[in-house]
Amino acid sequence: MNRPVTRRVFLMTLAATGAALATSAQAQTLVDEKDAQAAALGYVADAKRVDVKKYPKFAASQNCTNCALYQGKATDKAGGCPLFAGKQVAGAGWCSAWAKKG
């Protein structure tokens, strides 16, 4: 039994689809470590270069691919992150906003 699509459902679907298309259509570049937002979060493209004196809670097993914010697949070299809108982070990267996935 098909339900009629309500205006509200239609508009929510339209907004979600538009956002997804806009994100995928953008030529996303990698976040520059010198970018103000990246620097504020201590972002590095290679987690092996994390300043452990500045971030003592960092663990060697942490990187963007196993962060809850990472929007790519675990095998992707780069993926989206809501902290860096319109840009991608390196899968091997890290920042101080890292949160365990799952």
PDB file of N, CA and C in Angstrom:
ATOM      1  N   MET A   1       0.836  -1.168   0.000  1.00  0.00           N
ATOM      2  CA  MET A   1       0.000   0.000   0.000  1.00  0.00           C
ATOM      3  C   MET A   1       0.888   1.241   0.000  1.00  0.00           C
ATOM      4  N   ASN A   2       0.786   2.056  -0.988  1.00  0.00           N
ATOM      5  CA  ASN A   2       1.601   3.268  -1.099  1.00  0.00           C
ATOM      6  C   ASN A   2       0.928   4.426  -0.393  1.00  0.00           C
ATOM      7  N   ARG A   3       1.712   5.117   0.381  1.00  0.00           N
ATOM      8  CA  ARG A   3       1.201   6.321   1.044  1.00  0.00           C
ATOM      9  C   ARG A   3       1.500   7.520   0.169  1.00  0.00           C
ATOM     10  N   PRO A   4       0.641   8.495   0.173  1.00  0.00           N
ATOM     11  CA  PRO A   4       0.955   9.706  -0.597  1.00  0.00           C
ATOM     12  C   PRO A   4       2.121  10.445   0.063  1.00  0.00           C
ATOM     13  N   VAL A   5       2.964  11.017  -0.740  1.00  0.00           N
ATOM     14  CA  VAL A   5       4.108  11.764  -0.229  1.00  0.00           C
ATOM     15  C   VAL A   5       3.620  13.121   0.260  1.00  0.00           C
ATOM     16  N   THR A   6       3.907  13.386   1.520  1.00  0.00           N
ATOM     17  CA  THR A   6       3.493  14.675   2.063  1.00  0.00           C
ATOM     18  C   THR A   6       4.490  15.740   1.649  1.00  0.00           C
ATOM     19  N   ARG A   7       4.056  16.956   1.702  1.00  0.00           N
ATOM     20  CA  ARG A   7       4.928  18.075   1.336  1.00  0.00           C
ATOM     21  C   ARG A   7       6.170  18.090   2.224  1.00  0.00           C
ATOM     22  N   ARG A   8       5.975  17.815   3.496  1.00  0.00           N
ATOM     23  CA  ARG A   8       7.091  17.825   4.446  1.00  0.00           C
ATOM     24  C   ARG A   8       8.133  16.760   4.085  1.00  0.00           C
ATOM     25  N   VAL A   9       7.681  15.536   3.815  1.00  0.00           N
ATOM     26  CA  VAL A   9       8.592  14.459   3.440  1.00  0.00           C
ATOM     27  C   VAL A   9       9.296  14.802   2.134  1.00  0.00           C
ATOM     28  N   PHE A  10       8.546  15.327   1.189  1.00  0.00           N
ATOM     29  CA  PHE A  10       9.127  15.704  -0.094  1.00  0.00           C
ATOM     30  C   PHE A  10      10.223  16.748   0.086  1.00  0.00           C
ATOM     31  N   LEU A  11       9.958  17.778   0.871  1.00  0.00           N
ATOM     32  CA  LEU A  11      10.944  18.844   1.074  1.00  0.00           C
ATOM     33  C   LEU A  11      12.179  18.336   1.819  1.00  0.00           C
ATOM     34  N   MET A  12      11.985  17.453   2.796  1.00  0.00           N
ATOM     35  CA  MET A  12      13.137  16.896   3.518  1.00  0.00           C
ATOM     36  C   MET A  12      13.983  16.031   2.581  1.00  0.00           C
ATOM     37  N   THR A  13      13.323  15.248   1.747  1.00  0.00           N
ATOM     38  CA  THR A  13      14.039  14.413   0.788  1.00  0.00           C
ATOM     39  C   THR A  13      14.782  15.262  -0.220  1.00  0.00           C
ATOM     40  N   LEU A  14      14.126  16.299  -0.700  1.00  0.00           N
ATOM     41  CA  LEU A  14      14.743  17.213  -1.658  1.00  0.00           C
ATOM     42  C   LEU A  14      15.980  17.886  -1.065  1.00  0.00           C
ATOM     43  N   ALA A  15      15.874  18.336   0.183  1.00  0.00           N
ATOM     44  CA  ALA A  15      17.006  18.995   0.843  1.00  0.00           C
ATOM     45  C   ALA A  15      18.171  18.026   1.030  1.00  0.00           C
ATOM     46  N   ALA A  16      17.877  16.815   1.461  1.00  0.00           N
ATOM     47  CA  ALA A  16      18.935  15.820   1.679  1.00  0.00           C
ATOM     48  C   ALA A  16      19.601  15.444   0.363  1.00  0.00           C
ATOM     49  N   THR A  17      18.813  15.267  -0.671  1.00  0.00           N
ATOM     50  CA  THR A  17      19.366  14.924  -1.987  1.00  0.00           C
ATOM     51  C   THR A  17      20.215  16.062  -2.528  1.00  0.00           C
ATOM     52  N   GLY A  18      19.723  17.278  -2.382  1.00  0.00           N
ATOM     53  CA  GLY A  18      20.478  18.442  -2.845  1.00  0.00           C
ATOM     54  C   GLY A  18      21.807  18.581  -2.139  1.00  0.00           C
ATOM     55  N   ALA A  19      21.816  18.360  -0.837  1.00  0.00           N
ATOM     56  CA  ALA A  19      23.060  18.448  -0.069  1.00  0.00           C
ATOM     57  C   ALA A  19      24.036  17.369  -0.499  1.00  0.00           C
ATOM     58  N   ALA A  20      23.525  16.161  -0.718  1.00  0.00           N
ATOM     59  CA  ALA A  20      24.397  15.064  -1.149  1.00  0.00           C
ATOM     60  C   ALA A  20      24.970  15.335  -2.534  1.00  0.00           C
ATOM     61  N   LEU A  21      24.153  15.833  -3.425  1.00  0.00           N
ATOM     62  CA  LEU A  21      24.636  16.138  -4.771  1.00  0.00           C
ATOM     63  C   LEU A  21      25.645  17.278  -4.751  1.00  0.00           C
ATOM     64  N   ALA A  22      25.391  18.275  -3.943  1.00  0.00           N
ATOM     65  CA  ALA A  22      26.320  19.411  -3.866  1.00  0.00           C
ATOM     66  C   ALA A  22      27.672  18.962  -3.327  1.00  0.00           C
ATOM     67  N   THR A  23      27.642  18.091  -2.333  1.00  0.00           N
ATOM     68  CA  THR A  23      28.888  17.598  -1.754  1.00  0.00           C
ATOM     69  C   THR A  23      29.659  16.760  -2.757  1.00  0.00           C
ATOM     70  N   SER A  24      28.975  15.865  -3.455  1.00  0.00           N
ATOM     71  CA  SER A  24      29.679  15.001  -4.384  1.00  0.00           C
ATOM     72  C   SER A  24      30.093  15.733  -5.651  1.00  0.00           C
ATOM     73  N   ALA A  25      29.393  16.796  -6.005  1.00  0.00           N
ATOM     74  CA  ALA A  25      29.708  17.523  -7.233  1.00  0.00           C
ATOM     75  C   ALA A  25      30.901  18.455  -7.056  1.00  0.00           C
ATOM     76  N   GLN A  26      31.174  18.834  -5.821  1.00  0.00           N
ATOM     77  CA  GLN A  26      32.288  19.749  -5.589  1.00  0.00           C
ATOM     78  C   GLN A  26      33.607  19.035  -5.851  1.00  0.00           C
ATOM     79  N   ALA A  27      34.509  19.768  -6.467  1.00  0.00           N
ATOM     80  CA  ALA A  27      35.866  19.230  -6.612  1.00  0.00           C
ATOM     81  C   ALA A  27      36.530  19.460  -5.266  1.00  0.00           C
ATOM     82  N   GLN A  28      36.485  18.451  -4.435  1.00  0.00           N
ATOM     83  CA  GLN A  28      36.980  18.617  -3.082  1.00  0.00           C
ATOM     84  C   GLN A  28      38.490  18.460  -3.037  1.00  0.00           C
ATOM     85  N   THR A  29      39.104  19.425  -2.415  1.00  0.00           N
ATOM     86  CA  THR A  29      40.549  19.404  -2.237  1.00  0.00           C
ATOM     87  C   THR A  29      40.857  18.961  -0.815  1.00  0.00           C
ATOM     88  N   LEU A  30      42.064  18.533  -0.602  1.00  0.00           N
ATOM     89  CA  LEU A  30      42.477  18.144   0.739  1.00  0.00           C
ATOM     90  C   LEU A  30      42.654  19.373   1.619  1.00  0.00           C
ATOM     91  N   VAL A  31      42.362  19.211   2.870  1.00  0.00           N
ATOM     92  CA  VAL A  31      42.556  20.279   3.846  1.00  0.00           C
ATOM     93  C   VAL A  31      44.045  20.590   3.950  1.00  0.00           C
ATOM     94  N   ASP A  32      44.376  21.855   3.940  1.00  0.00           N
ATOM     95  CA  ASP A  32      45.763  22.295   4.131  1.00  0.00           C
ATOM     96  C   ASP A  32      46.014  22.371   5.637  1.00  0.00           C
ATOM     97  N   GLU A  33      47.080  21.775   6.097  1.00  0.00           N
ATOM     98  CA  GLU A  33      47.405  21.791   7.519  1.00  0.00           C
ATOM     99  C   GLU A  33      47.565  23.211   8.057  1.00  0.00           C
ATOM    100  N   LYS A  34      47.866  24.163   7.182  1.00  0.00           N
ATOM    101  CA  LYS A  34      48.059  25.556   7.595  1.00  0.00           C
ATOM    102  C   LYS A  34      46.757  26.352   7.616  1.00  0.00           C
ATOM    103  N   ASP A  35      45.657  25.740   7.139  1.00  0.00           N
ATOM    104  CA  ASP A  35      44.342  26.368   7.184  1.00  0.00           C
ATOM    105  C   ASP A  35      44.026  26.692   8.648  1.00  0.00           C
ATOM    106  N   ALA A  36      43.377  27.813   8.894  1.00  0.00           N
ATOM    107  CA  ALA A  36      43.115  28.259  10.266  1.00  0.00           C
ATOM    108  C   ALA A  36      42.352  27.209  11.077  1.00  0.00           C
ATOM    109  N   GLN A  37      41.299  26.634  10.506  1.00  0.00           N
ATOM    110  CA  GLN A  37      40.516  25.615  11.205  1.00  0.00           C
ATOM    111  C   GLN A  37      41.368  24.372  11.474  1.00  0.00           C
ATOM    112  N   ALA A  38      42.145  23.962  10.479  1.00  0.00           N
ATOM    113  CA  ALA A  38      43.000  22.785  10.627  1.00  0.00           C
ATOM    114  C   ALA A  38      44.047  23.011  11.718  1.00  0.00           C
ATOM    115  N   ALA A  39      44.673  24.161  11.698  1.00  0.00           N
ATOM    116  CA  ALA A  39      45.697  24.472  12.694  1.00  0.00           C
ATOM    117  C   ALA A  39      45.101  24.515  14.098  1.00  0.00           C
ATOM    118  N   ALA A  40      43.903  25.072  14.222  1.00  0.00           N
ATOM    119  CA  ALA A  40      43.250  25.161  15.527  1.00  0.00           C
ATOM    120  C   ALA A  40      42.948  23.778  16.095  1.00  0.00           C
ATOM    121  N   LEU A  41      42.687  22.813  15.212  1.00  0.00           N
ATOM    122  CA  LEU A  41      42.376  21.450  15.644  1.00  0.00           C
ATOM    123  C   LEU A  41      43.600  20.539  15.657  1.00  0.00           C
ATOM    124  N   GLY A  42      44.761  21.071  15.314  1.00  0.00           N
ATOM    125  CA  GLY A  42      45.984  20.276  15.300  1.00  0.00           C
ATOM    126  C   GLY A  42      45.997  19.237  14.193  1.00  0.00           C
ATOM    127  N   TYR A  43      45.264  19.492  13.095  1.00  0.00           N
ATOM    128  CA  TYR A  43      45.171  18.530  11.996  1.00  0.00           C
ATOM    129  C   TYR A  43      46.527  18.307  11.333  1.00  0.00           C
ATOM    130  N   VAL A  44      46.840  17.047  11.102  1.00  0.00           N
ATOM    131  CA  VAL A  44      48.001  16.653  10.308  1.00  0.00           C
ATOM    132  C   VAL A  44      47.533  15.586   9.324  1.00  0.00           C
ATOM    133  N   ALA A  45      48.077  15.608   8.129  1.00  0.00           N
ATOM    134  CA  ALA A  45      47.678  14.652   7.088  1.00  0.00           C
ATOM    135  C   ALA A  45      48.233  13.257   7.347  1.00  0.00           C
ATOM    136  N   ASP A  46      49.204  13.156   8.239  1.00  0.00           N
ATOM    137  CA  ASP A  46      49.789  11.863   8.591  1.00  0.00           C
ATOM    138  C   ASP A  46      49.850  11.781  10.116  1.00  0.00           C
ATOM    139  N   ALA A  47      49.058  10.893  10.687  1.00  0.00           N
ATOM    140  CA  ALA A  47      48.960  10.777  12.146  1.00  0.00           C
ATOM    141  C   ALA A  47      50.297  10.459  12.813  1.00  0.00           C
ATOM    142  N   LYS A  48      51.263   9.993  12.046  1.00  0.00           N
ATOM    143  CA  LYS A  48      52.581   9.712  12.606  1.00  0.00           C
ATOM    144  C   LYS A  48      53.296  10.987  13.028  1.00  0.00           C
ATOM    145  N   ARG A  49      52.794  12.146  12.559  1.00  0.00           N
ATOM    146  CA  ARG A  49      53.440  13.428  12.860  1.00  0.00           C
ATOM    147  C   ARG A  49      52.715  14.223  13.946  1.00  0.00           C
ATOM    148  N   VAL A  50      51.802  13.593  14.686  1.00  0.00           N
ATOM    149  CA  VAL A  50      51.083  14.287  15.756  1.00  0.00           C
ATOM    150  C   VAL A  50      52.065  14.712  16.842  1.00  0.00           C
ATOM    151  N   ASP A  51      51.929  15.936  17.315  1.00  0.00           N
ATOM    152  CA  ASP A  51      52.754  16.451  18.407  1.00  0.00           C
ATOM    153  C   ASP A  51      52.226  15.844  19.714  1.00  0.00           C
ATOM    154  N   VAL A  52      52.838  14.766  20.158  1.00  0.00           N
ATOM    155  CA  VAL A  52      52.343  14.061  21.340  1.00  0.00           C
ATOM    156  C   VAL A  52      52.530  14.852  22.638  1.00  0.00           C
ATOM    157  N   LYS A  53      53.408  15.825  22.622  1.00  0.00           N
ATOM    158  CA  LYS A  53      53.556  16.679  23.802  1.00  0.00           C
ATOM    159  C   LYS A  53      52.354  17.613  23.915  1.00  0.00           C
ATOM    160  N   LYS A  54      51.877  18.088  22.786  1.00  0.00           N
ATOM    161  CA  LYS A  54      50.722  18.990  22.756  1.00  0.00           C
ATOM    162  C   LYS A  54      49.415  18.215  22.908  1.00  0.00           C
ATOM    163  N   TYR A  55      49.385  16.970  22.400  1.00  0.00           N
ATOM    164  CA  TYR A  55      48.184  16.127  22.443  1.00  0.00           C
ATOM    165  C   TYR A  55      48.523  14.791  23.109  1.00  0.00           C
ATOM    166  N   PRO A  56      48.699  14.797  24.433  1.00  0.00           N
ATOM    167  CA  PRO A  56      49.136  13.586  25.135  1.00  0.00           C
ATOM    168  C   PRO A  56      48.110  12.445  25.116  1.00  0.00           C
ATOM    169  N   LYS A  57      46.850  12.736  24.825  1.00  0.00           N
ATOM    170  CA  LYS A  57      45.836  11.677  24.785  1.00  0.00           C
ATOM    171  C   LYS A  57      45.800  10.970  23.431  1.00  0.00           C
ATOM    172  N   PHE A  58      46.621  11.425  22.488  1.00  0.00           N
ATOM    173  CA  PHE A  58      46.693  10.790  21.174  1.00  0.00           C
ATOM    174  C   PHE A  58      47.220   9.369  21.315  1.00  0.00           C
ATOM    175  N   ALA A  59      46.599   8.445  20.584  1.00  0.00           N
ATOM    176  CA  ALA A  59      47.072   7.054  20.551  1.00  0.00           C
ATOM    177  C   ALA A  59      47.466   6.735  19.114  1.00  0.00           C
ATOM    178  N   ALA A  60      48.513   5.973  18.926  1.00  0.00           N
ATOM    179  CA  ALA A  60      49.030   5.654  17.595  1.00  0.00           C
ATOM    180  C   ALA A  60      47.988   4.996  16.698  1.00  0.00           C
ATOM    181  N   SER A  61      46.979   4.373  17.277  1.00  0.00           N
ATOM    182  CA  SER A  61      45.950   3.702  16.481  1.00  0.00           C
ATOM    183  C   SER A  61      44.894   4.675  15.941  1.00  0.00           C
ATOM    184  N   GLN A  62      44.932   5.929  16.369  1.00  0.00           N
ATOM    185  CA  GLN A  62      43.933   6.907  15.933  1.00  0.00           C
ATOM    186  C   GLN A  62      44.302   7.528  14.592  1.00  0.00           C
ATOM    187  N   ASN A  63      43.342   7.576  13.697  1.00  0.00           N
ATOM    188  CA  ASN A  63      43.499   8.317  12.444  1.00  0.00           C
ATOM    189  C   ASN A  63      42.116   8.635  11.904  1.00  0.00           C
ATOM    190  N   CYS A  64      42.054   9.401  10.847  1.00  0.00           N
ATOM    191  CA  CYS A  64      40.757   9.840  10.331  1.00  0.00           C
ATOM    192  C   CYS A  64      39.856   8.680   9.917  1.00  0.00           C
ATOM    193  N   THR A  65      40.414   7.618   9.357  1.00  0.00           N
ATOM    194  CA  THR A  65      39.563   6.531   8.881  1.00  0.00           C
ATOM    195  C   THR A  65      38.814   5.818   9.997  1.00  0.00           C
ATOM    196  N   ASN A  66      39.311   5.889  11.234  1.00  0.00           N
ATOM    197  CA  ASN A  66      38.577   5.252  12.323  1.00  0.00           C
ATOM    198  C   ASN A  66      37.958   6.278  13.274  1.00  0.00           C
ATOM    199  N   CYS A  67      37.733   7.478  12.751  1.00  0.00           N
ATOM    200  CA  CYS A  67      37.072   8.548  13.501  1.00  0.00           C
ATOM    201  C   CYS A  67      35.582   8.562  13.153  1.00  0.00           C
ATOM    202  N   ALA A  68      34.751   8.821  14.129  1.00  0.00           N
ATOM    203  CA  ALA A  68      33.302   8.873  13.923  1.00  0.00           C
ATOM    204  C   ALA A  68      32.888   9.978  12.946  1.00  0.00           C
ATOM    205  N   LEU A  69      33.699  10.988  12.776  1.00  0.00           N
ATOM    206  CA  LEU A  69      33.355  12.100  11.887  1.00  0.00           C
ATOM    207  C   LEU A  69      33.719  11.837  10.426  1.00  0.00           C
ATOM    208  N   TYR A  70      34.575  10.881  10.177  1.00  0.00           N
ATOM    209  CA  TYR A  70      35.059  10.594   8.828  1.00  0.00           C
ATOM    210  C   TYR A  70      33.929  10.055   7.960  1.00  0.00           C
ATOM    211  N   GLN A  71      33.749  10.647   6.782  1.00  0.00           N
ATOM    212  CA  GLN A  71      32.644  10.280   5.911  1.00  0.00           C
ATOM    213  C   GLN A  71      33.038   9.382   4.747  1.00  0.00           C
ATOM    214  N   GLY A  72      34.278   8.966   4.695  1.00  0.00           N
ATOM    215  CA  GLY A  72      34.714   8.042   3.652  1.00  0.00           C
ATOM    216  C   GLY A  72      34.708   6.615   4.166  1.00  0.00           C
ATOM    217  N   LYS A  73      35.129   5.702   3.310  1.00  0.00           N
ATOM    218  CA  LYS A  73      35.269   4.302   3.705  1.00  0.00           C
ATOM    219  C   LYS A  73      36.632   4.132   4.368  1.00  0.00           C
ATOM    220  N   ALA A  74      36.767   3.107   5.159  1.00  0.00           N
ATOM    221  CA  ALA A  74      38.033   2.856   5.864  1.00  0.00           C
ATOM    222  C   ALA A  74      39.195   2.660   4.904  1.00  0.00           C
ATOM    223  N   THR A  75      38.911   2.249   3.682  1.00  0.00           N
ATOM    224  CA  THR A  75      39.971   2.007   2.699  1.00  0.00           C
ATOM    225  C   THR A  75      40.262   3.222   1.810  1.00  0.00           C
ATOM    226  N   ASP A  76      39.478   4.292   1.949  1.00  0.00           N
ATOM    227  CA  ASP A  76      39.684   5.495   1.127  1.00  0.00           C
ATOM    228  C   ASP A  76      40.922   6.267   1.574  1.00  0.00           C
ATOM    229  N   LYS A  77      41.643   6.809   0.605  1.00  0.00           N
ATOM    230  CA  LYS A  77      42.820   7.619   0.935  1.00  0.00           C
ATOM    231  C   LYS A  77      42.406   8.963   1.521  1.00  0.00           C
ATOM    232  N   ALA A  78      41.205   9.433   1.189  1.00  0.00           N
ATOM    233  CA  ALA A  78      40.684  10.694   1.707  1.00  0.00           C
ATOM    234  C   ALA A  78      39.168  10.630   1.739  1.00  0.00           C
ATOM    235  N   GLY A  79      38.594  11.450   2.585  1.00  0.00           N
ATOM    236  CA  GLY A  79      37.141  11.486   2.698  1.00  0.00           C
ATOM    237  C   GLY A  79      36.695  12.777   3.341  1.00  0.00           C
ATOM    238  N   GLY A  80      35.415  13.002   3.310  1.00  0.00           N
ATOM    239  CA  GLY A  80      34.850  14.209   3.887  1.00  0.00           C
ATOM    240  C   GLY A  80      34.853  14.192   5.399  1.00  0.00           C
ATOM    241  N   CYS A  81      34.785  15.390   5.953  1.00  0.00           N
ATOM    242  CA  CYS A  81      34.682  15.566   7.402  1.00  0.00           C
ATOM    243  C   CYS A  81      33.849  16.816   7.630  1.00  0.00           C
ATOM    244  N   PRO A  82      32.812  16.744   8.461  1.00  0.00           N
ATOM    245  CA  PRO A  82      31.967  17.914   8.679  1.00  0.00           C
ATOM    246  C   PRO A  82      32.703  19.106   9.299  1.00  0.00           C
ATOM    247  N   LEU A  83      33.859  18.875   9.876  1.00  0.00           N
ATOM    248  CA  LEU A  83      34.628  19.982  10.458  1.00  0.00           C
ATOM    249  C   LEU A  83      35.293  20.846   9.392  1.00  0.00           C
ATOM    250  N   PHE A  84      35.454  20.273   8.200  1.00  0.00           N
ATOM    251  CA  PHE A  84      36.131  20.970   7.105  1.00  0.00           C
ATOM    252  C   PHE A  84      35.231  20.938   5.874  1.00  0.00           C
ATOM    253  N   ALA A  85      34.158  21.669   5.927  1.00  0.00           N
ATOM    254  CA  ALA A  85      33.146  21.666   4.863  1.00  0.00           C
ATOM    255  C   ALA A  85      33.758  21.945   3.494  1.00  0.00           C
ATOM    256  N   GLY A  86      33.389  21.096   2.536  1.00  0.00           N
ATOM    257  CA  GLY A  86      33.841  21.275   1.163  1.00  0.00           C
ATOM    258  C   GLY A  86      35.249  20.795   0.894  1.00  0.00           C
ATOM    259  N   LYS A  87      35.902  20.236   1.898  1.00  0.00           N
ATOM    260  CA  LYS A  87      37.266  19.734   1.731  1.00  0.00           C
ATOM    261  C   LYS A  87      37.336  18.317   2.275  1.00  0.00           C
ATOM    262  N   GLN A  88      38.368  17.619   1.895  1.00  0.00           N
ATOM    263  CA  GLN A  88      38.573  16.265   2.377  1.00  0.00           C
ATOM    264  C   GLN A  88      39.773  16.209   3.306  1.00  0.00           C
ATOM    265  N   VAL A  89      39.739  15.243   4.186  1.00  0.00           N
ATOM    266  CA  VAL A  89      40.874  14.990   5.076  1.00  0.00           C
ATOM    267  C   VAL A  89      41.546  13.706   4.621  1.00  0.00           C
ATOM    268  N   ALA A  90      42.812  13.589   4.875  1.00  0.00           N
ATOM    269  CA  ALA A  90      43.548  12.372   4.538  1.00  0.00           C
ATOM    270  C   ALA A  90      43.092  11.252   5.466  1.00  0.00           C
ATOM    271  N   GLY A  91      42.890  10.074   4.914  1.00  0.00           N
ATOM    272  CA  GLY A  91      42.497   8.930   5.743  1.00  0.00           C
ATOM    273  C   GLY A  91      43.520   8.635   6.827  1.00  0.00           C
ATOM    274  N   ALA A  92      44.779   8.884   6.530  1.00  0.00           N
ATOM    275  CA  ALA A  92      45.858   8.648   7.489  1.00  0.00           C
ATOM    276  C   ALA A  92      46.057   9.830   8.432  1.00  0.00           C
ATOM    277  N   GLY A  93      45.227  10.857   8.289  1.00  0.00           N
ATOM    278  CA  GLY A  93      45.364  12.072   9.089  1.00  0.00           C
ATOM    279  C   GLY A  93      44.798  11.945  10.491  1.00  0.00           C
ATOM    280  N   TRP A  94      44.856  13.048  11.226  1.00  0.00           N
ATOM    281  CA  TRP A  94      44.355  13.097  12.599  1.00  0.00           C
ATOM    282  C   TRP A  94      44.123  14.540  12.997  1.00  0.00           C
ATOM    283  N   CYS A  95      43.151  14.771  13.882  1.00  0.00           N
ATOM    284  CA  CYS A  95      42.979  16.085  14.534  1.00  0.00           C
ATOM    285  C   CYS A  95      42.474  15.870  15.947  1.00  0.00           C
ATOM    286  N   SER A  96      42.498  16.913  16.740  1.00  0.00           N
ATOM    287  CA  SER A  96      42.143  16.795  18.151  1.00  0.00           C
ATOM    288  C   SER A  96      40.665  16.515  18.377  1.00  0.00           C
ATOM    289  N   ALA A  97      39.836  16.600  17.340  1.00  0.00           N
ATOM    290  CA  ALA A  97      38.415  16.283  17.477  1.00  0.00           C
ATOM    291  C   ALA A  97      38.137  14.797  17.246  1.00  0.00           C
ATOM    292  N   TRP A  98      39.197  13.992  17.092  1.00  0.00           N
ATOM    293  CA  TRP A  98      39.028  12.569  16.823  1.00  0.00           C
ATOM    294  C   TRP A  98      38.106  11.942  17.875  1.00  0.00           C
ATOM    295  N   ALA A  99      37.150  11.148  17.400  1.00  0.00           N
ATOM    296  CA  ALA A  99      36.230  10.428  18.275  1.00  0.00           C
ATOM    297  C   ALA A  99      36.095   8.998  17.766  1.00  0.00           C
ATOM    298  N   LYS A 100      36.119   8.043  18.657  1.00  0.00           N
ATOM    299  CA  LYS A 100      36.067   6.634  18.276  1.00  0.00           C
ATOM    300  C   LYS A 100      34.794   6.334  17.488  1.00  0.00           C
ATOM    301  N   LYS A 101      34.972   5.664  16.373  1.00  0.00           N
ATOM    302  CA  LYS A 101      33.853   5.264  15.530  1.00  0.00           C
ATOM    303  C   LYS A 101      33.155   4.064  16.154  1.00  0.00           C
ATOM    304  N   GLY A 102      31.828   4.083  16.053  1.00  0.00           N
ATOM    305  CA  GLY A 102      31.054   2.927  16.484  1.00  0.00           C
ATOM    306  C   GLY A 102      30.655   3.021  17.871  1.00  0.00           C
TER     307      GLY A 102
END
